[in-house]
């Protein structure tokens, strides 16, 4: 028998005291049945009571084992730092974001595609946040890996968006943040990432909201998980973000300094031709 299977067979009774406990209650059950066979109502009552004690012992043991296994699973999850999960993000869990944004004191980071929901729902609060904490934002580069066929356009296909939707969101986000960047040049930083999009991230101090991108689903409708600094998953996600942010192979600055102030490096006229996009997506 394979070792893995043998471990699985033995796992319900990992300790000798468990075996003794079950054996005792088996004996109680059997003895109760024998006593119940004796003549007289008293012996019947005693026998059934003893047998019932044996059955209750098994039921209690089973319940404790199930509870123990469930507790072990919860401890493993908590050990990773996972503290909460939601079936979707953005609007459905907006209160979860809001209460953390209000209390943020260290750092706010974002990683996403065009982050339209962030711009529309919280754009007018950026100034308030920036007076308290620095903010970093990673948007997908609408020209990467090539202007003719970018990750942004590929994701439009996967989400059944209109061609160019994500690229337009990036342009609009940068355009909306230009005046904010000029008011807070040392506290607001936006870069355009050029690596493959894998996850979305929203870090607020010592917690990170994150979730995967799923084929055929709008990113706002995919599950979102929350991790805290207490577990290793926080450091994994933080390292992922920092590598994209700091490595020029994976991101570039979203603004350039001009005589008139900071200006977006992406303009609408530079977006790929729509006919080329439709031709490649068929």
C-alpha atoms as a PDB file:
ATOM      1  CA  UNK A   1       0.000   0.000   0.000  1.00  0.00           C
ATOM      2  CA  UNK A   2       1.459   3.431  -0.888  1.00  0.00           C
ATOM      3  CA  UNK A   3       2.816   5.434   2.047  1.00  0.00           C
ATOM      4  CA  UNK A   4       0.483   8.355   1.315  1.00  0.00           C
ATOM      5  CA  UNK A   5      -2.538   6.035   1.432  1.00  0.00           C
ATOM      6  CA  UNK A   6      -1.355   4.372   4.647  1.00  0.00           C
ATOM      7  CA  UNK A   7      -1.079   7.796   6.291  1.00  0.00           C
ATOM      8  CA  UNK A   8      -4.577   8.623   5.124  1.00  0.00           C
ATOM      9  CA  UNK A   9      -5.952   5.373   6.583  1.00  0.00           C
ATOM     10  CA  UNK A  10      -4.276   5.933   9.954  1.00  0.00           C
ATOM     11  CA  UNK A  11      -5.083   9.629  10.185  1.00  0.00           C
ATOM     12  CA  UNK A  12      -8.456   9.289  12.001  1.00  0.00           C
ATOM     13  CA  UNK A  13      -6.667   7.603  14.963  1.00  0.00           C
ATOM     14  CA  UNK A  14      -3.256   9.260  15.199  1.00  0.00           C
ATOM     15  CA  UNK A  15      -2.899   8.723  18.965  1.00  0.00           C
ATOM     16  CA  UNK A  16      -3.124   5.515  21.061  1.00  0.00           C
ATOM     17  CA  UNK A  17      -5.437   7.217  23.564  1.00  0.00           C
ATOM     18  CA  UNK A  18      -7.980   7.682  20.765  1.00  0.00           C
ATOM     19  CA  UNK A  19      -7.939   3.955  20.101  1.00  0.00           C
ATOM     20  CA  UNK A  20      -8.430   3.210  23.806  1.00  0.00           C
ATOM     21  CA  UNK A  21     -11.306   5.706  23.971  1.00  0.00           C
ATOM     22  CA  UNK A  22     -13.128   4.086  21.043  1.00  0.00           C
ATOM     23  CA  UNK A  23     -12.468   0.557  22.325  1.00  0.00           C
ATOM     24  CA  UNK A  24     -13.939   1.416  25.724  1.00  0.00           C
ATOM     25  CA  UNK A  25     -17.091   2.785  24.090  1.00  0.00           C
ATOM     26  CA  UNK A  26     -17.351  -0.283  21.854  1.00  0.00           C
ATOM     27  CA  UNK A  27     -17.253  -2.419  24.998  1.00  0.00           C
ATOM     28  CA  UNK A  28     -19.899  -0.232  26.621  1.00  0.00           C
ATOM     29  CA  UNK A  29     -22.130  -0.675  23.593  1.00  0.00           C
ATOM     30  CA  UNK A  30     -21.677  -4.466  23.524  1.00  0.00           C
ATOM     31  CA  UNK A  31     -22.092  -4.864  27.291  1.00  0.00           C
ATOM     32  CA  UNK A  32     -25.222  -2.746  27.148  1.00  0.00           C
ATOM     33  CA  UNK A  33     -26.703  -5.013  24.494  1.00  0.00           C
ATOM     34  CA  UNK A  34     -25.920  -8.110  26.595  1.00  0.00           C
ATOM     35  CA  UNK A  35     -27.404  -6.616  29.750  1.00  0.00           C
ATOM     36  CA  UNK A  36     -30.538  -5.574  27.888  1.00  0.00           C
ATOM     37  CA  UNK A  37     -31.134  -9.254  27.046  1.00  0.00           C
ATOM     38  CA  UNK A  38     -31.573 -10.179  30.712  1.00  0.00           C
ATOM     39  CA  UNK A  39     -35.071 -10.628  32.097  1.00  0.00           C
ATOM     40  CA  UNK A  40     -36.676  -7.619  33.663  1.00  0.00           C
ATOM     41  CA  UNK A  41     -37.424  -4.020  32.798  1.00  0.00           C
ATOM     42  CA  UNK A  42     -34.642  -2.785  35.051  1.00  0.00           C
ATOM     43  CA  UNK A  43     -31.983  -4.718  33.120  1.00  0.00           C
ATOM     44  CA  UNK A  44     -33.443  -3.476  29.854  1.00  0.00           C
ATOM     45  CA  UNK A  45     -33.246   0.115  31.058  1.00  0.00           C
ATOM     46  CA  UNK A  46     -29.678  -0.330  32.299  1.00  0.00           C
ATOM     47  CA  UNK A  47     -28.563  -2.069  29.123  1.00  0.00           C
ATOM     48  CA  UNK A  48     -30.021   0.504  26.772  1.00  0.00           C
ATOM     49  CA  UNK A  49     -28.484   3.317  28.863  1.00  0.00           C
ATOM     50  CA  UNK A  50     -25.040   1.705  28.712  1.00  0.00           C
ATOM     51  CA  UNK A  51     -25.319   1.122  24.949  1.00  0.00           C
ATOM     52  CA  UNK A  52     -26.474   4.716  24.490  1.00  0.00           C
ATOM     53  CA  UNK A  53     -23.387   5.867  26.393  1.00  0.00           C
ATOM     54  CA  UNK A  54     -21.199   3.967  23.949  1.00  0.00           C
ATOM     55  CA  UNK A  55     -22.979   5.501  20.940  1.00  0.00           C
ATOM     56  CA  UNK A  56     -22.730   9.011  22.438  1.00  0.00           C
ATOM     57  CA  UNK A  57     -19.022   8.474  22.971  1.00  0.00           C
ATOM     58  CA  UNK A  58     -18.537   7.707  19.271  1.00  0.00           C
ATOM     59  CA  UNK A  59     -20.609  10.739  18.253  1.00  0.00           C
ATOM     60  CA  UNK A  60     -18.621  13.048  20.533  1.00  0.00           C
ATOM     61  CA  UNK A  61     -15.344  11.645  19.231  1.00  0.00           C
ATOM     62  CA  UNK A  62     -16.414  12.162  15.615  1.00  0.00           C
ATOM     63  CA  UNK A  63     -17.555  15.726  16.297  1.00  0.00           C
ATOM     64  CA  UNK A  64     -14.281  16.572  18.033  1.00  0.00           C
ATOM     65  CA  UNK A  65     -12.237  15.125  15.170  1.00  0.00           C
ATOM     66  CA  UNK A  66     -14.167  17.093  12.554  1.00  0.00           C
ATOM     67  CA  UNK A  67     -13.817  20.264  14.623  1.00  0.00           C
ATOM     68  CA  UNK A  68     -10.093  19.634  15.079  1.00  0.00           C
ATOM     69  CA  UNK A  69      -9.525  19.199  11.342  1.00  0.00           C
ATOM     70  CA  UNK A  70     -11.520  22.345  10.621  1.00  0.00           C
ATOM     71  CA  UNK A  71      -9.486  24.246  13.183  1.00  0.00           C
ATOM     72  CA  UNK A  72      -6.244  23.011  11.638  1.00  0.00           C
ATOM     73  CA  UNK A  73      -7.372  24.279   8.235  1.00  0.00           C
ATOM     74  CA  UNK A  74      -8.245  27.663   9.716  1.00  0.00           C
ATOM     75  CA  UNK A  75      -4.854  27.854  11.391  1.00  0.00           C
ATOM     76  CA  UNK A  76      -3.104  27.156   8.082  1.00  0.00           C
ATOM     77  CA  UNK A  77      -5.093  29.898   6.356  1.00  0.00           C
ATOM     78  CA  UNK A  78      -4.429  32.344   9.166  1.00  0.00           C
ATOM     79  CA  UNK A  79      -0.775  31.344   9.123  1.00  0.00           C
ATOM     80  CA  UNK A  80      -0.521  32.647   5.571  1.00  0.00           C
ATOM     81  CA  UNK A  81      -1.907  35.981   6.727  1.00  0.00           C
ATOM     82  CA  UNK A  82      -5.307  35.656   5.055  1.00  0.00           C
ATOM     83  CA  UNK A  83      -7.841  37.566   7.108  1.00  0.00           C
ATOM     84  CA  UNK A  84     -10.864  37.941   4.817  1.00  0.00           C
ATOM     85  CA  UNK A  85     -12.267  37.158   1.362  1.00  0.00           C
ATOM     86  CA  UNK A  86     -14.998  38.562  -0.866  1.00  0.00           C
ATOM     87  CA  UNK A  87     -16.697  37.272  -4.036  1.00  0.00           C
ATOM     88  CA  UNK A  88     -16.009  40.542  -5.880  1.00  0.00           C
ATOM     89  CA  UNK A  89     -14.214  43.856  -5.479  1.00  0.00           C
ATOM     90  CA  UNK A  90     -14.720  47.540  -6.259  1.00  0.00           C
ATOM     91  CA  UNK A  91     -18.318  48.691  -5.589  1.00  0.00           C
ATOM     92  CA  UNK A  92     -19.550  45.574  -3.659  1.00  0.00           C
ATOM     93  CA  UNK A  93     -16.855  46.009  -0.999  1.00  0.00           C
ATOM     94  CA  UNK A  94     -16.396  49.774  -1.158  1.00  0.00           C
ATOM     95  CA  UNK A  95     -17.007  50.223   2.605  1.00  0.00           C
ATOM     96  CA  UNK A  96     -14.087  47.859   3.283  1.00  0.00           C
ATOM     97  CA  UNK A  97     -11.790  50.143   1.311  1.00  0.00           C
ATOM     98  CA  UNK A  98     -13.245  53.389   2.640  1.00  0.00           C
ATOM     99  CA  UNK A  99     -12.697  52.718   6.326  1.00  0.00           C
ATOM    100  CA  UNK A 100      -9.088  51.760   5.651  1.00  0.00           C
ATOM    101  CA  UNK A 101      -8.387  54.748   3.403  1.00  0.00           C
ATOM    102  CA  UNK A 102      -9.662  57.056   6.138  1.00  0.00           C
ATOM    103  CA  UNK A 103      -7.279  55.569   8.703  1.00  0.00           C
ATOM    104  CA  UNK A 104      -4.236  55.093   6.398  1.00  0.00           C
ATOM    105  CA  UNK A 105      -1.041  56.559   7.853  1.00  0.00           C
ATOM    106  CA  UNK A 106       1.869  54.802   6.147  1.00  0.00           C
ATOM    107  CA  UNK A 107       1.422  53.850   2.489  1.00  0.00           C
ATOM    108  CA  UNK A 108      -1.200  53.322  -0.206  1.00  0.00           C
ATOM    109  CA  UNK A 109      -0.319  51.298  -3.315  1.00  0.00           C
ATOM    110  CA  UNK A 110      -2.421  50.230  -6.299  1.00  0.00           C
ATOM    111  CA  UNK A 111      -1.796  47.774  -9.114  1.00  0.00           C
ATOM    112  CA  UNK A 112      -4.379  47.273 -11.840  1.00  0.00           C
ATOM    113  CA  UNK A 113      -5.305  47.854 -15.468  1.00  0.00           C
ATOM    114  CA  UNK A 114      -6.959  51.252 -15.994  1.00  0.00           C
ATOM    115  CA  UNK A 115      -8.374  51.613 -12.453  1.00  0.00           C
ATOM    116  CA  UNK A 116     -11.490  53.380 -13.689  1.00  0.00           C
ATOM    117  CA  UNK A 117     -13.400  52.594 -10.479  1.00  0.00           C
ATOM    118  CA  UNK A 118     -10.631  54.153  -8.384  1.00  0.00           C
ATOM    119  CA  UNK A 119     -10.696  57.318 -10.509  1.00  0.00           C
ATOM    120  CA  UNK A 120     -14.481  57.609 -10.506  1.00  0.00           C
ATOM    121  CA  UNK A 121     -15.129  56.597  -6.887  1.00  0.00           C
ATOM    122  CA  UNK A 122     -12.142  58.044  -5.067  1.00  0.00           C
ATOM    123  CA  UNK A 123     -10.470  60.510  -7.441  1.00  0.00           C
ATOM    124  CA  UNK A 124     -11.787  63.503  -5.513  1.00  0.00           C
ATOM    125  CA  UNK A 125     -10.315  62.103  -2.291  1.00  0.00           C
ATOM    126  CA  UNK A 126      -6.739  61.807  -3.559  1.00  0.00           C
ATOM    127  CA  UNK A 127      -5.717  65.217  -2.214  1.00  0.00           C
ATOM    128  CA  UNK A 128      -6.958  64.292   1.267  1.00  0.00           C
ATOM    129  CA  UNK A 129      -5.081  61.005   1.246  1.00  0.00           C
ATOM    130  CA  UNK A 130      -1.891  62.578  -0.091  1.00  0.00           C
ATOM    131  CA  UNK A 131      -1.753  65.034   2.777  1.00  0.00           C
ATOM    132  CA  UNK A 132      -1.368  62.022   5.075  1.00  0.00           C
ATOM    133  CA  UNK A 133       0.375  59.282   3.070  1.00  0.00           C
ATOM    134  CA  UNK A 134       2.352  58.797  -0.157  1.00  0.00           C
ATOM    135  CA  UNK A 135       0.527  56.975  -2.961  1.00  0.00           C
ATOM    136  CA  UNK A 136       1.993  54.762  -5.666  1.00  0.00           C
ATOM    137  CA  UNK A 137      -0.030  53.522  -8.620  1.00  0.00           C
ATOM    138  CA  UNK A 138       0.858  50.924 -11.245  1.00  0.00           C
ATOM    139  CA  UNK A 139      -1.247  51.000 -14.426  1.00  0.00           C
ATOM    140  CA  UNK A 140      -0.856  48.687 -17.388  1.00  0.00           C
ATOM    141  CA  UNK A 141       1.209  50.258 -20.159  1.00  0.00           C
ATOM    142  CA  UNK A 142      -1.177  50.597 -23.132  1.00  0.00           C
ATOM    143  CA  UNK A 143       1.792  50.329 -25.528  1.00  0.00           C
ATOM    144  CA  UNK A 144       3.340  47.163 -24.071  1.00  0.00           C
ATOM    145  CA  UNK A 145       4.630  44.881 -25.322  1.00  0.00           C
ATOM    146  CA  UNK A 146       3.935  46.525 -28.704  1.00  0.00           C
ATOM    147  CA  UNK A 147       1.548  49.367 -29.641  1.00  0.00           C
ATOM    148  CA  UNK A 148      -0.099  47.184 -32.270  1.00  0.00           C
ATOM    149  CA  UNK A 149      -1.023  44.405 -29.849  1.00  0.00           C
ATOM    150  CA  UNK A 150      -0.755  45.242 -26.165  1.00  0.00           C
ATOM    151  CA  UNK A 151      -1.653  43.431 -22.974  1.00  0.00           C
ATOM    152  CA  UNK A 152      -4.373  46.039 -22.438  1.00  0.00           C
ATOM    153  CA  UNK A 153      -5.971  45.194 -25.759  1.00  0.00           C
ATOM    154  CA  UNK A 154      -5.671  41.481 -25.136  1.00  0.00           C
ATOM    155  CA  UNK A 155      -7.474  41.921 -21.832  1.00  0.00           C
ATOM    156  CA  UNK A 156     -10.242  43.799 -23.636  1.00  0.00           C
ATOM    157  CA  UNK A 157     -10.792  40.643 -25.679  1.00  0.00           C
ATOM    158  CA  UNK A 158     -10.801  38.462 -22.553  1.00  0.00           C
ATOM    159  CA  UNK A 159     -13.312  40.705 -20.744  1.00  0.00           C
ATOM    160  CA  UNK A 160     -15.454  41.281 -23.871  1.00  0.00           C
ATOM    161  CA  UNK A 161     -14.803  45.023 -23.648  1.00  0.00           C
ATOM    162  CA  UNK A 162     -14.999  47.431 -26.521  1.00  0.00           C
ATOM    163  CA  UNK A 163     -11.599  47.551 -28.239  1.00  0.00           C
ATOM    164  CA  UNK A 164      -9.351  50.097 -26.559  1.00  0.00           C
ATOM    165  CA  UNK A 165     -11.390  50.381 -23.349  1.00  0.00           C
ATOM    166  CA  UNK A 166      -8.542  49.695 -20.954  1.00  0.00           C
ATOM    167  CA  UNK A 167      -6.094  51.867 -22.889  1.00  0.00           C
ATOM    168  CA  UNK A 168      -8.603  54.716 -22.764  1.00  0.00           C
ATOM    169  CA  UNK A 169      -9.023  54.177 -19.008  1.00  0.00           C
ATOM    170  CA  UNK A 170      -5.247  54.494 -18.581  1.00  0.00           C
ATOM    171  CA  UNK A 171      -5.171  57.711 -20.606  1.00  0.00           C
ATOM    172  CA  UNK A 172      -8.101  59.156 -18.656  1.00  0.00           C
ATOM    173  CA  UNK A 173      -6.573  58.168 -15.323  1.00  0.00           C
ATOM    174  CA  UNK A 174      -3.260  59.857 -16.110  1.00  0.00           C
ATOM    175  CA  UNK A 175      -5.038  62.915 -17.434  1.00  0.00           C
ATOM    176  CA  UNK A 176      -7.155  63.180 -14.264  1.00  0.00           C
ATOM    177  CA  UNK A 177      -4.082  62.778 -12.059  1.00  0.00           C
ATOM    178  CA  UNK A 178      -1.949  65.419 -13.837  1.00  0.00           C
ATOM    179  CA  UNK A 179      -3.152  68.318 -11.651  1.00  0.00           C
ATOM    180  CA  UNK A 180      -2.892  66.127  -8.534  1.00  0.00           C
ATOM    181  CA  UNK A 181       0.671  65.175  -9.470  1.00  0.00           C
ATOM    182  CA  UNK A 182       1.575  68.831  -9.875  1.00  0.00           C
ATOM    183  CA  UNK A 183       0.115  69.638  -6.456  1.00  0.00           C
ATOM    184  CA  UNK A 184       1.870  66.699  -4.775  1.00  0.00           C
ATOM    185  CA  UNK A 185       4.932  65.975  -6.954  1.00  0.00           C
ATOM    186  CA  UNK A 186       6.821  64.136  -4.194  1.00  0.00           C
ATOM    187  CA  UNK A 187       3.899  62.134  -2.810  1.00  0.00           C
ATOM    188  CA  UNK A 188       1.987  60.879  -5.861  1.00  0.00           C
ATOM    189  CA  UNK A 189       3.859  58.505  -8.160  1.00  0.00           C
ATOM    190  CA  UNK A 190       2.429  56.609 -11.131  1.00  0.00           C
ATOM    191  CA  UNK A 191       4.241  54.091 -13.280  1.00  0.00           C
ATOM    192  CA  UNK A 192       3.121  52.024 -16.267  1.00  0.00           C
ATOM    193  CA  UNK A 193       3.957  48.357 -15.976  1.00  0.00           C
ATOM    194  CA  UNK A 194       5.102  46.415 -19.024  1.00  0.00           C
ATOM    195  CA  UNK A 195       5.111  42.869 -17.606  1.00  0.00           C
ATOM    196  CA  UNK A 196       2.304  40.329 -17.898  1.00  0.00           C
ATOM    197  CA  UNK A 197      -0.694  41.310 -15.746  1.00  0.00           C
ATOM    198  CA  UNK A 198      -1.181  38.627 -13.103  1.00  0.00           C
ATOM    199  CA  UNK A 199      -3.008  40.100 -10.116  1.00  0.00           C
ATOM    200  CA  UNK A 200      -4.540  43.329  -8.878  1.00  0.00           C
ATOM    201  CA  UNK A 201      -3.328  44.883  -5.653  1.00  0.00           C
ATOM    202  CA  UNK A 202      -4.517  47.537  -3.241  1.00  0.00           C
ATOM    203  CA  UNK A 203      -2.215  47.962  -0.272  1.00  0.00           C
ATOM    204  CA  UNK A 204      -3.295  50.149   2.635  1.00  0.00           C
ATOM    205  CA  UNK A 205      -0.669  50.252   5.378  1.00  0.00           C
ATOM    206  CA  UNK A 206      -0.321  46.697   6.750  1.00  0.00           C
ATOM    207  CA  UNK A 207      -3.073  45.069   4.683  1.00  0.00           C
ATOM    208  CA  UNK A 208      -3.259  44.084   1.030  1.00  0.00           C
ATOM    209  CA  UNK A 209      -6.395  43.493  -1.013  1.00  0.00           C
ATOM    210  CA  UNK A 210      -5.512  41.294  -3.969  1.00  0.00           C
ATOM    211  CA  UNK A 211      -7.153  39.050  -6.520  1.00  0.00           C
ATOM    212  CA  UNK A 212      -6.473  37.168  -9.746  1.00  0.00           C
ATOM    213  CA  UNK A 213      -7.485  38.045 -13.271  1.00  0.00           C
ATOM    214  CA  UNK A 214      -9.842  35.396 -14.643  1.00  0.00           C
ATOM    215  CA  UNK A 215     -10.439  34.734 -18.312  1.00  0.00           C
ATOM    216  CA  UNK A 216     -13.878  35.796 -19.473  1.00  0.00           C
ATOM    217  CA  UNK A 217     -14.748  37.765 -16.338  1.00  0.00           C
ATOM    218  CA  UNK A 218     -14.660  41.473 -15.625  1.00  0.00           C
ATOM    219  CA  UNK A 219     -11.866  42.054 -13.148  1.00  0.00           C
ATOM    220  CA  UNK A 220     -14.247  43.847 -10.762  1.00  0.00           C
ATOM    221  CA  UNK A 221     -16.330  40.645 -10.541  1.00  0.00           C
ATOM    222  CA  UNK A 222     -13.531  38.309  -9.475  1.00  0.00           C
ATOM    223  CA  UNK A 223     -12.749  37.196  -5.902  1.00  0.00           C
ATOM    224  CA  UNK A 224     -10.711  39.439  -3.635  1.00  0.00           C
ATOM    225  CA  UNK A 225      -8.642  38.343  -0.659  1.00  0.00           C
ATOM    226  CA  UNK A 226      -7.219  40.345   2.234  1.00  0.00           C
ATOM    227  CA  UNK A 227      -3.863  39.560   3.793  1.00  0.00           C
ATOM    228  CA  UNK A 228      -2.141  41.171   6.744  1.00  0.00           C
ATOM    229  CA  UNK A 229       1.506  41.637   7.563  1.00  0.00           C
ATOM    230  CA  UNK A 230       1.261  38.795  10.094  1.00  0.00           C
ATOM    231  CA  UNK A 231       1.772  36.115   7.417  1.00  0.00           C
ATOM    232  CA  UNK A 232       4.249  35.364   4.617  1.00  0.00           C
ATOM    233  CA  UNK A 233       1.755  36.065   1.822  1.00  0.00           C
ATOM    234  CA  UNK A 234       1.963  39.789   2.587  1.00  0.00           C
ATOM    235  CA  UNK A 235       5.710  39.796   1.899  1.00  0.00           C
ATOM    236  CA  UNK A 236       5.256  37.769  -1.290  1.00  0.00           C
ATOM    237  CA  UNK A 237       2.772  40.299  -2.672  1.00  0.00           C
ATOM    238  CA  UNK A 238       4.798  43.273  -1.464  1.00  0.00           C
ATOM    239  CA  UNK A 239       7.934  41.871  -3.121  1.00  0.00           C
ATOM    240  CA  UNK A 240       5.990  41.322  -6.354  1.00  0.00           C
ATOM    241  CA  UNK A 241       4.878  44.954  -6.324  1.00  0.00           C
ATOM    242  CA  UNK A 242       8.314  46.327  -5.456  1.00  0.00           C
ATOM    243  CA  UNK A 243      10.027  44.391  -8.217  1.00  0.00           C
ATOM    244  CA  UNK A 244       7.653  45.764 -10.826  1.00  0.00           C
ATOM    245  CA  UNK A 245       7.986  49.264  -9.396  1.00  0.00           C
ATOM    246  CA  UNK A 246      11.763  49.432  -9.132  1.00  0.00           C
ATOM    247  CA  UNK A 247      12.876  47.458 -12.202  1.00  0.00           C
ATOM    248  CA  UNK A 248      12.945  49.553 -15.382  1.00  0.00           C
ATOM    249  CA  UNK A 249      12.465  46.360 -17.407  1.00  0.00           C
ATOM    250  CA  UNK A 250       8.985  45.994 -15.945  1.00  0.00           C
ATOM    251  CA  UNK A 251       7.696  49.571 -15.602  1.00  0.00           C
ATOM    252  CA  UNK A 252       8.284  53.149 -16.713  1.00  0.00           C
ATOM    253  CA  UNK A 253       7.327  56.538 -15.327  1.00  0.00           C
ATOM    254  CA  UNK A 254       3.797  57.639 -16.136  1.00  0.00           C
ATOM    255  CA  UNK A 255       4.677  61.336 -16.102  1.00  0.00           C
ATOM    256  CA  UNK A 256       7.375  63.464 -17.616  1.00  0.00           C
ATOM    257  CA  UNK A 257       8.500  66.834 -16.302  1.00  0.00           C
ATOM    258  CA  UNK A 258       8.058  69.768 -18.683  1.00  0.00           C
ATOM    259  CA  UNK A 259       8.319  73.530 -18.349  1.00  0.00           C
ATOM    260  CA  UNK A 260       4.569  73.596 -17.721  1.00  0.00           C
ATOM    261  CA  UNK A 261       4.788  70.886 -15.037  1.00  0.00           C
ATOM    262  CA  UNK A 262       4.244  67.137 -15.085  1.00  0.00           C
ATOM    263  CA  UNK A 263       2.503  65.697 -18.142  1.00  0.00           C
ATOM    264  CA  UNK A 264       1.308  62.192 -18.984  1.00  0.00           C
ATOM    265  CA  UNK A 265       3.613  60.117 -21.176  1.00  0.00           C
ATOM    266  CA  UNK A 266       0.617  58.501 -22.912  1.00  0.00           C
ATOM    267  CA  UNK A 267      -1.694  60.420 -25.223  1.00  0.00           C
ATOM    268  CA  UNK A 268      -4.858  59.286 -26.967  1.00  0.00           C
ATOM    269  CA  UNK A 269      -3.344  59.700 -30.436  1.00  0.00           C
ATOM    270  CA  UNK A 270      -0.665  57.131 -29.606  1.00  0.00           C
ATOM    271  CA  UNK A 271      -3.124  54.308 -29.037  1.00  0.00           C
ATOM    272  CA  UNK A 272      -3.155  51.363 -31.477  1.00  0.00           C
ATOM    273  CA  UNK A 273      -5.345  51.461 -34.529  1.00  0.00           C
ATOM    274  CA  UNK A 274      -8.759  49.889 -33.853  1.00  0.00           C
ATOM    275  CA  UNK A 275      -8.932  48.086 -37.197  1.00  0.00           C
ATOM    276  CA  UNK A 276      -5.628  46.392 -36.468  1.00  0.00           C
ATOM    277  CA  UNK A 277      -6.990  45.262 -33.099  1.00  0.00           C
ATOM    278  CA  UNK A 278     -10.162  43.803 -34.608  1.00  0.00           C
ATOM    279  CA  UNK A 279      -8.152  41.991 -37.242  1.00  0.00           C
ATOM    280  CA  UNK A 280      -5.911  40.309 -34.704  1.00  0.00           C
ATOM    281  CA  UNK A 281      -8.723  39.314 -32.348  1.00  0.00           C
ATOM    282  CA  UNK A 282     -10.608  37.212 -34.890  1.00  0.00           C
END
